[in-house]
Amino acid sequence: MRTLLGVTLAVMLSLVFAAPANAGSWVEHKSDKYPVSIHLWSTIDVQQKEWANGWGGLKAKNHGLEIFAMVNKGKIKAADVQKLGVKITGVAAKDWNLTDKQRAGFKNYQVGTLTKGEQQYIVAWGQTAKGATMLFIVKSNAADLAKHERSYRNVLRRLKVG
């Protein structure tokens, strides 16, 4: 009976923390130029990328899913972070309803979920105690986000900005 209960519990936990299909093992991906790293499954395509105005970091893609982990080492205003987010998501600034949260290592930190048509986004941004600014975006569709939101938020929790 104890073995059956243990196996049942293990199966339930694996379902709760399931990653997207064909996820493979989890590995840390680091940017060579920017102080950011993310833990993602090994089967996802991760590339280093630079955006305008001093932004850079990592962009991951897999079957319609996109994950952006961006850092700017300069002093950035919230409105400037939002402008980049609007450019990536297409969601108007007036529709960005993010919630202030506490996160270790950050002075300011906000997180939320955005929607534009069939696309849904998990968005977080914050300023580290060292002065760097981070913008994290997961772009997916409603069905995928509903199925894997816990995994995507786990990626956000494990995001490192140095």
N, C-alpha and C. Protein backbone atom coordinates (compact mmCIF):
# COMPACT_ATOMS: atom_id res chain seq x y z
N MET A 1 0.82 -1.19 0.00
CA MET A 1 0.00 0.00 0.00
C MET A 1 0.87 1.26 0.00
N ARG A 2 1.96 1.26 0.82
CA ARG A 2 2.84 2.42 0.87
C ARG A 2 3.50 2.67 -0.48
N THR A 3 3.89 1.58 -1.16
CA THR A 3 4.53 1.72 -2.47
C THR A 3 3.55 2.31 -3.47
N LEU A 4 2.32 1.84 -3.47
CA LEU A 4 1.30 2.36 -4.38
C LEU A 4 1.05 3.84 -4.11
N LEU A 5 0.98 4.23 -2.86
CA LEU A 5 0.79 5.63 -2.50
C LEU A 5 1.98 6.47 -2.95
N GLY A 6 3.20 5.96 -2.77
CA GLY A 6 4.39 6.67 -3.20
C GLY A 6 4.45 6.85 -4.70
N VAL A 7 4.08 5.82 -5.45
CA VAL A 7 4.07 5.89 -6.91
C VAL A 7 3.00 6.87 -7.38
N THR A 8 1.83 6.81 -6.75
CA THR A 8 0.75 7.73 -7.11
C THR A 8 1.17 9.18 -6.87
N LEU A 9 1.81 9.44 -5.73
CA LEU A 9 2.28 10.79 -5.41
C LEU A 9 3.34 11.24 -6.42
N ALA A 10 4.25 10.37 -6.78
CA ALA A 10 5.29 10.72 -7.75
C ALA A 10 4.68 11.06 -9.11
N VAL A 11 3.71 10.29 -9.54
CA VAL A 11 3.03 10.56 -10.82
C VAL A 11 2.30 11.89 -10.76
N MET A 12 1.61 12.15 -9.65
CA MET A 12 0.88 13.42 -9.51
C MET A 12 1.85 14.60 -9.55
N LEU A 13 2.98 14.51 -8.86
CA LEU A 13 3.94 15.60 -8.85
C LEU A 13 4.55 15.81 -10.23
N SER A 14 4.80 14.74 -10.96
CA SER A 14 5.36 14.90 -12.31
C SER A 14 4.36 15.58 -13.22
N LEU A 15 3.08 15.35 -13.05
CA LEU A 15 2.06 16.03 -13.85
C LEU A 15 1.95 17.50 -13.48
N VAL A 16 2.04 17.80 -12.20
CA VAL A 16 1.93 19.18 -11.74
C VAL A 16 3.07 20.02 -12.28
N PHE A 17 4.28 19.46 -12.30
CA PHE A 17 5.44 20.23 -12.74
C PHE A 17 5.87 19.88 -14.16
N ALA A 18 4.93 19.40 -14.95
CA ALA A 18 5.24 18.98 -16.33
C ALA A 18 5.66 20.17 -17.17
N ALA A 19 6.66 19.96 -18.00
CA ALA A 19 7.10 20.96 -18.96
C ALA A 19 6.41 20.67 -20.28
N PRO A 20 6.52 21.56 -21.24
CA PRO A 20 5.93 21.32 -22.54
C PRO A 20 6.39 19.99 -23.14
N ALA A 21 5.58 19.43 -24.02
CA ALA A 21 5.87 18.15 -24.64
C ALA A 21 7.26 18.16 -25.27
N ASN A 22 7.92 17.03 -25.23
CA ASN A 22 9.27 16.87 -25.80
C ASN A 22 10.26 17.86 -25.18
N ALA A 23 10.10 18.17 -23.91
CA ALA A 23 10.92 19.18 -23.28
C ALA A 23 12.37 18.74 -23.10
N GLY A 24 12.62 17.48 -22.90
CA GLY A 24 13.98 17.04 -22.63
C GLY A 24 14.41 17.49 -21.25
N SER A 25 15.70 17.45 -20.99
CA SER A 25 16.20 17.87 -19.69
C SER A 25 16.30 19.40 -19.64
N TRP A 26 16.38 19.92 -18.44
CA TRP A 26 16.49 21.37 -18.24
C TRP A 26 17.95 21.75 -18.17
N VAL A 27 18.33 22.82 -18.85
CA VAL A 27 19.71 23.30 -18.84
C VAL A 27 19.70 24.82 -18.69
N GLU A 28 20.82 25.35 -18.19
CA GLU A 28 20.95 26.79 -18.06
C GLU A 28 21.54 27.37 -19.34
N HIS A 29 20.90 28.39 -19.87
CA HIS A 29 21.37 29.10 -21.05
C HIS A 29 21.83 30.48 -20.59
N LYS A 30 23.08 30.87 -20.96
CA LYS A 30 23.64 32.14 -20.53
C LYS A 30 23.97 33.01 -21.74
N SER A 31 23.79 34.30 -21.56
CA SER A 31 24.23 35.26 -22.56
C SER A 31 25.71 35.54 -22.33
N ASP A 32 26.47 35.63 -23.43
CA ASP A 32 27.90 35.96 -23.32
C ASP A 32 28.12 37.44 -23.03
N LYS A 33 27.24 38.30 -23.55
CA LYS A 33 27.44 39.75 -23.45
C LYS A 33 26.64 40.43 -22.35
N TYR A 34 25.52 39.83 -21.96
CA TYR A 34 24.62 40.47 -21.00
C TYR A 34 24.46 39.58 -19.77
N PRO A 35 24.29 40.19 -18.60
CA PRO A 35 24.24 39.42 -17.35
C PRO A 35 22.86 38.77 -17.13
N VAL A 36 22.54 37.78 -17.97
CA VAL A 36 21.25 37.10 -17.85
C VAL A 36 21.42 35.63 -18.20
N SER A 37 20.71 34.78 -17.46
CA SER A 37 20.65 33.35 -17.79
C SER A 37 19.26 32.84 -17.44
N ILE A 38 18.85 31.82 -18.20
CA ILE A 38 17.54 31.21 -17.97
C ILE A 38 17.68 29.70 -18.04
N HIS A 39 16.87 29.02 -17.24
CA HIS A 39 16.79 27.56 -17.29
C HIS A 39 15.63 27.18 -18.20
N LEU A 40 15.96 26.49 -19.27
CA LEU A 40 14.94 26.02 -20.22
C LEU A 40 15.25 24.57 -20.57
N TRP A 41 14.30 23.92 -21.19
CA TRP A 41 14.50 22.55 -21.60
C TRP A 41 15.53 22.54 -22.74
N SER A 42 16.25 21.44 -22.84
CA SER A 42 17.38 21.34 -23.76
C SER A 42 16.97 21.32 -25.23
N THR A 43 15.73 21.02 -25.53
CA THR A 43 15.30 20.90 -26.92
C THR A 43 14.86 22.23 -27.54
N ILE A 44 14.85 23.30 -26.78
CA ILE A 44 14.40 24.59 -27.32
C ILE A 44 15.58 25.32 -27.96
N ASP A 45 15.32 26.03 -29.05
CA ASP A 45 16.34 26.81 -29.74
C ASP A 45 16.53 28.14 -29.01
N VAL A 46 17.71 28.37 -28.45
CA VAL A 46 18.01 29.60 -27.71
C VAL A 46 19.13 30.34 -28.44
N GLN A 47 18.89 31.62 -28.71
CA GLN A 47 19.89 32.44 -29.38
C GLN A 47 20.18 33.70 -28.58
N GLN A 48 21.42 34.16 -28.67
CA GLN A 48 21.76 35.44 -28.07
C GLN A 48 21.31 36.52 -29.04
N LYS A 49 20.81 37.62 -28.49
CA LYS A 49 20.24 38.65 -29.35
C LYS A 49 20.51 40.02 -28.73
N GLU A 50 20.65 41.01 -29.61
CA GLU A 50 20.73 42.40 -29.16
C GLU A 50 19.58 43.17 -29.79
N TRP A 51 18.94 44.00 -28.98
CA TRP A 51 17.87 44.87 -29.42
C TRP A 51 18.39 46.30 -29.37
N ALA A 52 17.62 47.24 -29.81
CA ALA A 52 18.04 48.66 -29.82
C ALA A 52 18.20 49.21 -28.41
N ASN A 53 18.89 50.32 -28.31
CA ASN A 53 19.02 51.12 -27.08
C ASN A 53 19.65 50.38 -25.91
N GLY A 54 20.62 49.51 -26.20
CA GLY A 54 21.36 48.86 -25.12
C GLY A 54 20.74 47.60 -24.55
N TRP A 55 19.68 47.09 -25.13
CA TRP A 55 19.03 45.87 -24.66
C TRP A 55 19.68 44.67 -25.31
N GLY A 56 19.86 43.60 -24.55
CA GLY A 56 20.38 42.35 -25.09
C GLY A 56 20.06 41.20 -24.16
N GLY A 57 20.29 40.00 -24.66
CA GLY A 57 20.02 38.83 -23.83
C GLY A 57 19.75 37.61 -24.66
N LEU A 58 18.69 36.89 -24.31
CA LEU A 58 18.39 35.61 -24.93
C LEU A 58 16.97 35.59 -25.49
N LYS A 59 16.82 34.90 -26.62
CA LYS A 59 15.50 34.68 -27.22
C LYS A 59 15.40 33.19 -27.54
N ALA A 60 14.34 32.57 -27.06
CA ALA A 60 14.12 31.14 -27.29
C ALA A 60 12.85 30.94 -28.11
N LYS A 61 12.89 29.96 -29.01
CA LYS A 61 11.72 29.66 -29.85
C LYS A 61 11.51 28.15 -29.93
N ASN A 62 10.23 27.77 -29.93
CA ASN A 62 9.88 26.35 -30.06
C ASN A 62 8.41 26.22 -30.41
N HIS A 63 8.10 25.83 -31.63
CA HIS A 63 6.73 25.55 -32.06
C HIS A 63 5.72 26.64 -31.67
N GLY A 64 6.00 27.87 -32.03
CA GLY A 64 5.09 28.98 -31.75
C GLY A 64 5.30 29.65 -30.41
N LEU A 65 6.05 29.03 -29.54
CA LEU A 65 6.39 29.62 -28.24
C LEU A 65 7.64 30.48 -28.41
N GLU A 66 7.63 31.68 -27.82
CA GLU A 66 8.82 32.51 -27.80
C GLU A 66 9.04 33.00 -26.37
N ILE A 67 10.29 32.99 -25.94
CA ILE A 67 10.66 33.48 -24.62
C ILE A 67 11.79 34.49 -24.80
N PHE A 68 11.61 35.66 -24.22
CA PHE A 68 12.60 36.74 -24.28
C PHE A 68 13.10 36.99 -22.87
N ALA A 69 14.42 36.99 -22.69
CA ALA A 69 15.03 37.36 -21.41
C ALA A 69 16.03 38.45 -21.73
N MET A 70 15.66 39.71 -21.46
CA MET A 70 16.43 40.86 -21.90
C MET A 70 16.93 41.67 -20.71
N VAL A 71 18.10 42.27 -20.89
CA VAL A 71 18.70 43.10 -19.84
C VAL A 71 19.25 44.36 -20.48
N ASN A 72 19.14 45.45 -19.73
CA ASN A 72 19.77 46.71 -20.11
C ASN A 72 20.57 47.16 -18.90
N LYS A 73 21.85 47.43 -19.09
CA LYS A 73 22.72 47.80 -17.98
C LYS A 73 22.60 49.27 -17.59
N GLY A 74 21.93 50.07 -18.42
CA GLY A 74 21.79 51.50 -18.14
C GLY A 74 20.60 51.81 -17.25
N LYS A 75 20.47 53.06 -16.91
CA LYS A 75 19.32 53.51 -16.11
C LYS A 75 18.15 53.70 -17.06
N ILE A 76 17.12 52.92 -16.88
CA ILE A 76 15.97 52.89 -17.78
C ILE A 76 14.71 53.27 -17.00
N LYS A 77 13.87 54.07 -17.60
CA LYS A 77 12.59 54.43 -17.00
C LYS A 77 11.55 53.35 -17.32
N ALA A 78 10.56 53.22 -16.44
CA ALA A 78 9.51 52.22 -16.65
C ALA A 78 8.84 52.39 -18.01
N ALA A 79 8.62 53.63 -18.44
CA ALA A 79 7.97 53.88 -19.72
C ALA A 79 8.80 53.34 -20.89
N ASP A 80 10.14 53.39 -20.77
CA ASP A 80 11.01 52.87 -21.82
C ASP A 80 10.99 51.34 -21.87
N VAL A 81 10.89 50.72 -20.71
CA VAL A 81 10.76 49.26 -20.66
C VAL A 81 9.47 48.86 -21.34
N GLN A 82 8.41 49.59 -21.01
CA GLN A 82 7.10 49.29 -21.58
C GLN A 82 7.09 49.48 -23.09
N LYS A 83 7.80 50.49 -23.60
CA LYS A 83 7.87 50.71 -25.05
C LYS A 83 8.44 49.50 -25.76
N LEU A 84 9.51 48.94 -25.22
CA LEU A 84 10.09 47.74 -25.82
C LEU A 84 9.11 46.57 -25.73
N GLY A 85 8.46 46.44 -24.59
CA GLY A 85 7.47 45.37 -24.43
C GLY A 85 6.31 45.51 -25.40
N VAL A 86 5.86 46.74 -25.63
CA VAL A 86 4.78 46.99 -26.58
C VAL A 86 5.23 46.62 -27.99
N LYS A 87 6.47 46.94 -28.31
CA LYS A 87 7.02 46.62 -29.64
C LYS A 87 7.04 45.10 -29.86
N ILE A 88 7.41 44.35 -28.84
CA ILE A 88 7.49 42.89 -28.96
C ILE A 88 6.12 42.24 -28.95
N THR A 89 5.24 42.67 -28.06
CA THR A 89 3.94 42.02 -27.89
C THR A 89 2.84 42.58 -28.79
N GLY A 90 2.93 43.85 -29.12
CA GLY A 90 1.85 44.49 -29.85
C GLY A 90 0.68 44.89 -28.96
N VAL A 91 0.80 44.65 -27.66
CA VAL A 91 -0.24 45.02 -26.70
C VAL A 91 -0.02 46.47 -26.30
N ALA A 92 -1.04 47.31 -26.48
CA ALA A 92 -0.95 48.74 -26.20
C ALA A 92 -0.58 48.99 -24.74
N ALA A 93 0.17 50.04 -24.50
CA ALA A 93 0.61 50.39 -23.15
C ALA A 93 -0.56 50.52 -22.18
N LYS A 94 -1.68 51.04 -22.63
CA LYS A 94 -2.84 51.21 -21.74
C LYS A 94 -3.40 49.88 -21.24
N ASP A 95 -3.06 48.78 -21.93
CA ASP A 95 -3.56 47.46 -21.55
C ASP A 95 -2.56 46.65 -20.72
N TRP A 96 -1.46 47.29 -20.35
CA TRP A 96 -0.47 46.62 -19.50
C TRP A 96 -0.89 46.79 -18.05
N ASN A 97 -1.53 45.79 -17.50
CA ASN A 97 -1.96 45.81 -16.10
C ASN A 97 -1.08 44.85 -15.31
N LEU A 98 0.10 45.32 -14.95
CA LEU A 98 1.03 44.49 -14.20
C LEU A 98 0.91 44.80 -12.71
N THR A 99 1.25 43.82 -11.90
CA THR A 99 1.13 43.94 -10.45
C THR A 99 2.50 44.04 -9.83
N ASP A 100 2.65 44.97 -8.87
CA ASP A 100 3.90 45.07 -8.13
C ASP A 100 4.08 43.83 -7.27
N LYS A 101 5.28 43.29 -7.30
CA LYS A 101 5.61 42.11 -6.50
C LYS A 101 6.94 42.33 -5.83
N GLN A 102 7.21 41.53 -4.82
CA GLN A 102 8.52 41.52 -4.16
C GLN A 102 9.33 40.38 -4.76
N ARG A 103 10.59 40.66 -5.10
CA ARG A 103 11.48 39.60 -5.58
C ARG A 103 12.89 39.93 -5.10
N ALA A 104 13.53 38.95 -4.51
CA ALA A 104 14.88 39.14 -4.00
C ALA A 104 15.81 39.63 -5.10
N GLY A 105 16.62 40.63 -4.79
CA GLY A 105 17.58 41.16 -5.74
C GLY A 105 17.04 42.28 -6.62
N PHE A 106 15.75 42.61 -6.49
CA PHE A 106 15.14 43.65 -7.31
C PHE A 106 14.60 44.77 -6.43
N LYS A 107 14.80 46.02 -6.88
CA LYS A 107 14.21 47.18 -6.19
C LYS A 107 12.76 47.32 -6.62
N ASN A 108 12.52 47.24 -7.92
CA ASN A 108 11.17 47.32 -8.48
C ASN A 108 10.95 46.04 -9.28
N TYR A 109 9.74 45.50 -9.20
CA TYR A 109 9.45 44.26 -9.92
C TYR A 109 7.96 44.19 -10.17
N GLN A 110 7.56 43.97 -11.42
CA GLN A 110 6.15 43.84 -11.78
C GLN A 110 5.97 42.63 -12.67
N VAL A 111 4.81 41.99 -12.56
CA VAL A 111 4.52 40.81 -13.37
C VAL A 111 3.03 40.79 -13.72
N GLY A 112 2.69 40.18 -14.86
CA GLY A 112 1.30 40.07 -15.25
C GLY A 112 1.13 39.24 -16.51
N THR A 113 -0.12 39.09 -16.93
CA THR A 113 -0.47 38.35 -18.14
C THR A 113 -1.20 39.30 -19.07
N LEU A 114 -0.81 39.31 -20.34
CA LEU A 114 -1.41 40.17 -21.35
C LEU A 114 -2.04 39.32 -22.44
N THR A 115 -3.03 39.88 -23.12
CA THR A 115 -3.69 39.17 -24.22
C THR A 115 -3.86 40.11 -25.40
N LYS A 116 -3.59 39.57 -26.60
CA LYS A 116 -3.89 40.28 -27.85
C LYS A 116 -4.35 39.24 -28.85
N GLY A 117 -5.65 39.24 -29.11
CA GLY A 117 -6.21 38.22 -30.00
C GLY A 117 -5.99 36.84 -29.43
N GLU A 118 -5.42 35.95 -30.25
CA GLU A 118 -5.13 34.59 -29.81
C GLU A 118 -3.83 34.48 -29.02
N GLN A 119 -3.02 35.53 -29.06
CA GLN A 119 -1.73 35.51 -28.36
C GLN A 119 -1.90 35.89 -26.90
N GLN A 120 -1.18 35.19 -26.05
CA GLN A 120 -1.13 35.53 -24.63
C GLN A 120 0.32 35.63 -24.21
N TYR A 121 0.57 36.47 -23.22
CA TYR A 121 1.92 36.75 -22.78
C TYR A 121 2.01 36.73 -21.26
N ILE A 122 3.10 36.20 -20.76
CA ILE A 122 3.50 36.42 -19.37
C ILE A 122 4.61 37.45 -19.45
N VAL A 123 4.46 38.54 -18.72
CA VAL A 123 5.43 39.63 -18.78
C VAL A 123 5.90 39.96 -17.37
N ALA A 124 7.20 40.17 -17.23
CA ALA A 124 7.76 40.65 -15.97
C ALA A 124 8.89 41.61 -16.29
N TRP A 125 9.01 42.61 -15.47
CA TRP A 125 10.16 43.52 -15.61
C TRP A 125 10.55 44.00 -14.23
N GLY A 126 11.81 44.37 -14.11
CA GLY A 126 12.27 44.86 -12.82
C GLY A 126 13.63 45.50 -12.92
N GLN A 127 13.99 46.23 -11.87
CA GLN A 127 15.30 46.85 -11.77
C GLN A 127 16.04 46.20 -10.61
N THR A 128 17.25 45.73 -10.91
CA THR A 128 18.03 45.06 -9.88
C THR A 128 18.65 46.07 -8.93
N ALA A 129 19.08 45.58 -7.81
CA ALA A 129 19.75 46.43 -6.83
C ALA A 129 21.03 47.03 -7.41
N LYS A 130 21.63 46.37 -8.42
CA LYS A 130 22.86 46.86 -9.06
C LYS A 130 22.57 47.86 -10.18
N GLY A 131 21.29 48.09 -10.49
CA GLY A 131 20.94 49.10 -11.49
C GLY A 131 20.58 48.58 -12.86
N ALA A 132 20.74 47.30 -13.12
CA ALA A 132 20.34 46.74 -14.42
C ALA A 132 18.81 46.61 -14.47
N THR A 133 18.28 46.67 -15.67
CA THR A 133 16.83 46.50 -15.86
C THR A 133 16.59 45.24 -16.66
N MET A 134 15.60 44.44 -16.24
CA MET A 134 15.28 43.17 -16.87
C MET A 134 13.87 43.23 -17.44
N LEU A 135 13.67 42.65 -18.62
CA LEU A 135 12.35 42.46 -19.21
C LEU A 135 12.26 41.01 -19.66
N PHE A 136 11.23 40.29 -19.19
CA PHE A 136 11.03 38.88 -19.50
C PHE A 136 9.65 38.74 -20.12
N ILE A 137 9.57 38.08 -21.28
CA ILE A 137 8.29 37.88 -21.95
C ILE A 137 8.18 36.45 -22.45
N VAL A 138 7.06 35.81 -22.16
CA VAL A 138 6.70 34.53 -22.76
C VAL A 138 5.54 34.82 -23.71
N LYS A 139 5.68 34.46 -24.98
CA LYS A 139 4.64 34.65 -25.98
C LYS A 139 4.14 33.28 -26.41
N SER A 140 2.84 33.07 -26.27
CA SER A 140 2.25 31.79 -26.63
C SER A 140 0.79 32.00 -27.01
N ASN A 141 0.05 30.91 -27.18
CA ASN A 141 -1.39 31.03 -27.42
C ASN A 141 -2.12 30.60 -26.15
N ALA A 142 -3.41 30.87 -26.13
CA ALA A 142 -4.19 30.63 -24.91
C ALA A 142 -4.16 29.17 -24.47
N ALA A 143 -4.31 28.24 -25.41
CA ALA A 143 -4.33 26.82 -25.05
C ALA A 143 -2.99 26.37 -24.46
N ASP A 144 -1.88 26.78 -25.11
CA ASP A 144 -0.56 26.40 -24.62
C ASP A 144 -0.28 27.03 -23.26
N LEU A 145 -0.64 28.29 -23.10
CA LEU A 145 -0.38 28.96 -21.84
C LEU A 145 -1.20 28.33 -20.71
N ALA A 146 -2.43 27.97 -21.00
CA ALA A 146 -3.26 27.32 -19.98
C ALA A 146 -2.65 25.98 -19.57
N LYS A 147 -2.09 25.26 -20.52
CA LYS A 147 -1.53 23.94 -20.25
C LYS A 147 -0.17 24.02 -19.55
N HIS A 148 0.65 25.03 -19.89
CA HIS A 148 2.04 25.06 -19.41
C HIS A 148 2.41 26.30 -18.60
N GLU A 149 1.43 27.05 -18.15
CA GLU A 149 1.74 28.30 -17.44
C GLU A 149 2.64 28.07 -16.24
N ARG A 150 2.42 27.02 -15.50
CA ARG A 150 3.25 26.74 -14.32
C ARG A 150 4.72 26.56 -14.72
N SER A 151 4.97 25.86 -15.82
CA SER A 151 6.36 25.68 -16.29
C SER A 151 6.97 27.01 -16.70
N TYR A 152 6.21 27.84 -17.40
CA TYR A 152 6.74 29.12 -17.86
C TYR A 152 7.02 30.05 -16.67
N ARG A 153 6.16 30.01 -15.68
CA ARG A 153 6.41 30.83 -14.49
C ARG A 153 7.61 30.30 -13.70
N ASN A 154 7.85 28.99 -13.78
CA ASN A 154 9.03 28.42 -13.16
C ASN A 154 10.30 28.92 -13.86
N VAL A 155 10.25 29.07 -15.19
CA VAL A 155 11.37 29.63 -15.92
C VAL A 155 11.63 31.04 -15.41
N LEU A 156 10.57 31.83 -15.24
CA LEU A 156 10.70 33.20 -14.73
C LEU A 156 11.32 33.21 -13.34
N ARG A 157 10.87 32.31 -12.46
CA ARG A 157 11.40 32.27 -11.10
C ARG A 157 12.90 31.94 -11.10
N ARG A 158 13.34 31.15 -12.06
CA ARG A 158 14.75 30.73 -12.10
C ARG A 158 15.61 31.67 -12.94
N LEU A 159 15.01 32.69 -13.51
CA LEU A 159 15.75 33.69 -14.29
C LEU A 159 16.78 34.37 -13.41
N LYS A 160 18.00 34.50 -13.92
CA LYS A 160 19.07 35.17 -13.17
C LYS A 160 19.52 36.39 -13.92
N VAL A 161 19.57 37.49 -13.22
CA VAL A 161 20.08 38.75 -13.78
C VAL A 161 21.18 39.22 -12.84
N GLY A 162 22.39 39.43 -13.42
CA GLY A 162 23.52 39.76 -12.55
C GLY A 162 23.96 41.13 -12.61
